[in-house]
Amino acid sequence: MKVRDKVIAIIAEQAVLDVAEVKPEMTLEDLGIDSLGLVESIFAIEEAFDISVPFNANEPEKSGFDMSSVEAIIRAVEDLVAQAA
């Protein structure tokens, strides 16, 4: 499974939506994912790809991980996976 597909699947699971309902331009807020869902999504992404996501739940805006949209999350995860390889 490609990084894009896996990230979308993780986000869809957290949002309790079908994968087809998750669009790249959507934000986590659009998807109804709250702060707890965000943290759970990050843990799931870290586990799925064996990476460490630079994210601080206390100060998400200061994290080095772009969570502004589904597409931004996909790009950030792809970058982290490439660095880990």
C-alpha atoms as a PDB file:
ATOM      1  CA  MET A   1       0.000   0.000   0.000  1.00  0.00           C
ATOM      2  CA  LYS A   2       1.359   3.410  -0.951  1.00  0.00           C
ATOM      3  CA  VAL A   3       2.056   6.058   1.689  1.00  0.00           C
ATOM      4  CA  ARG A   4      -0.796   8.223   0.348  1.00  0.00           C
ATOM      5  CA  ASP A   5      -3.332   5.405   0.576  1.00  0.00           C
ATOM      6  CA  LYS A   6      -2.249   4.338   4.065  1.00  0.00           C
ATOM      7  CA  VAL A   7      -2.322   7.908   5.444  1.00  0.00           C
ATOM      8  CA  ILE A   8      -5.795   8.459   3.995  1.00  0.00           C
ATOM      9  CA  ALA A   9      -6.942   5.143   5.480  1.00  0.00           C
ATOM     10  CA  ILE A  10      -5.640   6.147   8.927  1.00  0.00           C
ATOM     11  CA  ILE A  11      -7.295   9.564   8.740  1.00  0.00           C
ATOM     12  CA  ALA A  12     -10.565   8.052   7.496  1.00  0.00           C
ATOM     13  CA  GLU A  13     -10.554   5.576  10.382  1.00  0.00           C
ATOM     14  CA  GLN A  14     -10.081   8.380  12.915  1.00  0.00           C
ATOM     15  CA  ALA A  15     -12.846  10.421  11.277  1.00  0.00           C
ATOM     16  CA  VAL A  16     -15.123   7.350  11.088  1.00  0.00           C
ATOM     17  CA  LEU A  17     -15.547   7.958   7.364  1.00  0.00           C
ATOM     18  CA  ASP A  18     -15.168   5.920   4.212  1.00  0.00           C
ATOM     19  CA  VAL A  19     -11.790   6.405   2.514  1.00  0.00           C
ATOM     20  CA  ALA A  20     -13.584   7.864  -0.540  1.00  0.00           C
ATOM     21  CA  GLU A  21     -14.950  10.691   1.625  1.00  0.00           C
ATOM     22  CA  VAL A  22     -11.466  11.942   2.573  1.00  0.00           C
ATOM     23  CA  LYS A  23     -10.257  14.526   0.049  1.00  0.00           C
ATOM     24  CA  PRO A  24      -6.689  15.929  -0.127  1.00  0.00           C
ATOM     25  CA  GLU A  25      -7.798  19.528   0.377  1.00  0.00           C
ATOM     26  CA  MET A  26      -9.756  18.765   3.560  1.00  0.00           C
ATOM     27  CA  THR A  27      -8.512  19.801   6.982  1.00  0.00           C
ATOM     28  CA  LEU A  28      -8.740  17.620  10.056  1.00  0.00           C
ATOM     29  CA  GLU A  29     -11.372  20.029  11.328  1.00  0.00           C
ATOM     30  CA  ASP A  30     -13.391  19.476   8.115  1.00  0.00           C
ATOM     31  CA  LEU A  31     -13.251  15.766   8.887  1.00  0.00           C
ATOM     32  CA  GLY A  32     -14.386  16.214  12.477  1.00  0.00           C
ATOM     33  CA  ILE A  33     -11.094  15.068  13.972  1.00  0.00           C
ATOM     34  CA  ASP A  34     -10.521  16.684  17.367  1.00  0.00           C
ATOM     35  CA  SER A  35      -7.266  17.005  19.316  1.00  0.00           C
ATOM     36  CA  LEU A  36      -7.521  13.474  20.716  1.00  0.00           C
ATOM     37  CA  GLY A  37      -8.192  12.104  17.232  1.00  0.00           C
ATOM     38  CA  LEU A  38      -5.194  14.051  15.984  1.00  0.00           C
ATOM     39  CA  VAL A  39      -2.914  12.476  18.578  1.00  0.00           C
ATOM     40  CA  GLU A  40      -4.320   9.023  17.812  1.00  0.00           C
ATOM     41  CA  SER A  41      -3.771   9.652  14.082  1.00  0.00           C
ATOM     42  CA  ILE A  42      -0.147  10.595  14.703  1.00  0.00           C
ATOM     43  CA  PHE A  43       0.440   7.469  16.801  1.00  0.00           C
ATOM     44  CA  ALA A  44      -1.147   5.340  14.060  1.00  0.00           C
ATOM     45  CA  ILE A  45       1.017   7.002  11.376  1.00  0.00           C
ATOM     46  CA  GLU A  46       4.173   6.489  13.455  1.00  0.00           C
ATOM     47  CA  GLU A  47       3.329   2.832  13.983  1.00  0.00           C
ATOM     48  CA  ALA A  48       2.317   2.174  10.365  1.00  0.00           C
ATOM     49  CA  PHE A  49       5.482   3.664   8.887  1.00  0.00           C
ATOM     50  CA  ASP A  50       7.955   3.115  11.755  1.00  0.00           C
ATOM     51  CA  ILE A  51       8.749   6.829  11.889  1.00  0.00           C
ATOM     52  CA  SER A  52       8.778   9.539  14.531  1.00  0.00           C
ATOM     53  CA  VAL A  53       6.501  12.487  13.760  1.00  0.00           C
ATOM     54  CA  PRO A  54       7.845  15.812  15.070  1.00  0.00           C
ATOM     55  CA  PHE A  55       4.611  16.931  16.705  1.00  0.00           C
ATOM     56  CA  ASN A  56       3.958  18.631  20.016  1.00  0.00           C
ATOM     57  CA  ALA A  57       0.318  18.258  21.062  1.00  0.00           C
ATOM     58  CA  ASN A  58       0.697  21.150  23.498  1.00  0.00           C
ATOM     59  CA  GLU A  59       1.906  23.499  20.773  1.00  0.00           C
ATOM     60  CA  PRO A  60       0.814  22.040  17.424  1.00  0.00           C
ATOM     61  CA  GLU A  61       1.446  25.307  15.572  1.00  0.00           C
ATOM     62  CA  LYS A  62       5.129  25.108  16.563  1.00  0.00           C
ATOM     63  CA  SER A  63       5.565  21.532  15.372  1.00  0.00           C
ATOM     64  CA  GLY A  64       7.724  20.786  12.383  1.00  0.00           C
ATOM     65  CA  PHE A  65       4.908  18.744  10.889  1.00  0.00           C
ATOM     66  CA  ASP A  66       2.376  20.384   8.555  1.00  0.00           C
ATOM     67  CA  MET A  67      -1.126  19.307   9.555  1.00  0.00           C
ATOM     68  CA  SER A  68      -2.956  21.996   7.549  1.00  0.00           C
ATOM     69  CA  SER A  69      -4.648  19.527   5.178  1.00  0.00           C
ATOM     70  CA  VAL A  70      -4.769  15.854   4.287  1.00  0.00           C
ATOM     71  CA  GLU A  71      -2.411  16.554   1.363  1.00  0.00           C
ATOM     72  CA  ALA A  72       0.061  18.355   3.655  1.00  0.00           C
ATOM     73  CA  ILE A  73       0.035  15.398   6.052  1.00  0.00           C
ATOM     74  CA  ILE A  74       0.657  12.980   3.169  1.00  0.00           C
ATOM     75  CA  ARG A  75       3.615  15.057   1.918  1.00  0.00           C
ATOM     76  CA  ALA A  76       5.078  15.332   5.425  1.00  0.00           C
ATOM     77  CA  VAL A  77       4.782  11.573   5.998  1.00  0.00           C
ATOM     78  CA  GLU A  78       6.323  10.840   2.577  1.00  0.00           C
ATOM     79  CA  ASP A  79       9.271  13.083   3.521  1.00  0.00           C
ATOM     80  CA  LEU A  80       9.724  11.343   6.882  1.00  0.00           C
ATOM     81  CA  VAL A  81       9.519   7.893   5.272  1.00  0.00           C
ATOM     82  CA  ALA A  82      12.134   8.923   2.679  1.00  0.00           C
ATOM     83  CA  GLN A  83      14.448  10.231   5.428  1.00  0.00           C
ATOM     84  CA  ALA A  84      14.073   6.992   7.382  1.00  0.00           C
ATOM     85  CA  ALA A  85      14.950   4.832   4.367  1.00  0.00           C
END
